[in-house]
């Protein structure tokens, strides 16, 4: 079972999204299984190709147009399989234990709906 789905909407921020993905895949997960979905809104900066080359384990939705940030998030959520979903901006660099600690907190306190 996938514990966490990380959804990133990208548009022409190749270098930033690569840094973000690097920080995700370098995270200490403490047994947490994750999936990462990048929804690309028709970038023209080589983002999709770079993600495929550097992070082939990432699921990519390559839109043929730019439907916007909200729809992109909804597309990613629509195919996600995780118990929890994290909507992450493409210019975010995570600390080492952010993902594992966040999911542990959500599991420990069932009255938390969003973190």
Foldseek 3Di string as FASTA:
>chain_A
DAAEEEEEEDAQPQVLLVQQVVLVVQADQVPHHYAYEYEYAQHPNCNVVVCCVPPVRHHYHDDPHGPDDVVSRVVSVVPDDHPYYHYDYSNDRDDRHVVNVVSVVCVVDVVDPDD
